[in-house]
Amino acid sequence: MSNKGTTIDKVALAEFNTHYCQLGDNEKQWCHDEMVNNPKWLKKDWEDPMWTMAAKWEAGLPIYKTYVTD
């Protein structure tokens, strides 16, 4: 299973300077705990107010809010 580019992979790269799939079980558990307990990892990159609409478009990110009706 490839986790490259996911949030948990970003945690592994930031903390261990290696991809998540290359970590041992203890390091993987640490990354999981860090990801769910640290608010900085819970925020989506595109929710950053510094992103312009054009930058979102170029990055392939959603530019419109989708509403779910019940």
Protein backbone atom coordinates (compact mmCIF):
# COMPACT_ATOMS: atom_id res chain seq x y z
CA MET A 1 0.00 0.00 0.00
CA SER A 2 1.40 3.37 -0.98
CA ASN A 3 1.01 6.25 1.45
CA LYS A 4 3.20 8.70 -0.45
CA GLY A 5 1.79 12.21 -0.47
CA THR A 6 -0.73 11.58 2.29
CA THR A 7 -0.90 13.42 5.59
CA ILE A 8 0.65 10.54 7.49
CA ASP A 9 3.51 10.45 4.97
CA LYS A 10 4.05 14.19 5.52
CA VAL A 11 4.28 13.54 9.27
CA ALA A 12 6.86 10.80 8.68
CA LEU A 13 8.91 13.04 6.39
CA ALA A 14 8.77 15.94 8.84
CA GLU A 15 9.69 13.88 11.90
CA PHE A 16 11.88 11.05 10.55
CA ASN A 17 12.96 12.37 7.12
CA THR A 18 11.74 9.18 5.47
CA HIS A 19 8.50 7.94 3.91
CA TYR A 20 5.87 6.30 6.11
CA CYS A 21 6.06 2.96 4.29
CA GLN A 22 9.76 2.68 5.21
CA LEU A 23 9.21 3.10 8.96
CA GLY A 24 9.08 0.38 11.61
CA ASP A 25 5.94 -0.38 13.59
CA ASN A 26 6.82 1.90 16.53
CA GLU A 27 7.55 4.86 14.26
CA LYS A 28 4.33 4.25 12.32
CA GLN A 29 2.35 4.28 15.56
CA TRP A 30 4.10 7.49 16.61
CA CYS A 31 3.20 9.11 13.27
CA HIS A 32 -0.43 8.03 13.68
CA ASP A 33 -0.60 9.47 17.19
CA GLU A 34 1.05 12.71 16.07
CA MET A 35 -1.33 13.05 13.11
CA VAL A 36 -4.52 12.62 15.14
CA ASN A 37 -3.44 14.57 18.23
CA ASN A 38 -1.62 17.57 16.74
CA PRO A 39 -3.99 20.16 15.21
CA LYS A 40 -1.39 21.30 12.66
CA TRP A 41 -1.82 18.02 10.78
CA LEU A 42 -5.61 18.16 10.83
CA LYS A 43 -5.83 21.34 8.75
CA LYS A 44 -6.03 20.72 5.03
CA ASP A 45 -3.40 22.51 2.96
CA TRP A 46 -6.00 24.19 0.77
CA GLU A 47 -7.80 25.69 3.77
CA ASP A 48 -4.87 28.08 4.19
CA PRO A 49 -6.27 31.58 3.55
CA MET A 50 -3.12 32.50 1.60
CA TRP A 51 -4.18 30.29 -1.31
CA THR A 52 -5.65 32.31 -4.15
CA MET A 53 -8.32 30.90 -6.41
CA ALA A 54 -5.78 30.73 -9.27
CA ALA A 55 -3.25 28.86 -7.11
CA LYS A 56 -5.92 26.36 -6.08
CA TRP A 57 -6.89 25.85 -9.73
CA GLU A 58 -3.28 25.29 -10.78
CA ALA A 59 -2.75 22.80 -7.96
CA GLY A 60 -5.89 20.88 -8.89
CA LEU A 61 -7.58 21.66 -5.57
CA PRO A 62 -11.31 22.29 -5.13
CA ILE A 63 -12.19 25.92 -5.69
CA TYR A 64 -15.88 25.74 -4.92
CA LYS A 65 -17.46 24.75 -1.65
CA THR A 66 -19.72 21.74 -2.05
CA TYR A 67 -22.89 21.65 -0.05
CA VAL A 68 -24.60 18.48 1.03
CA THR A 69 -28.36 18.56 1.25
CA ASP A 70 -30.17 16.22 3.57
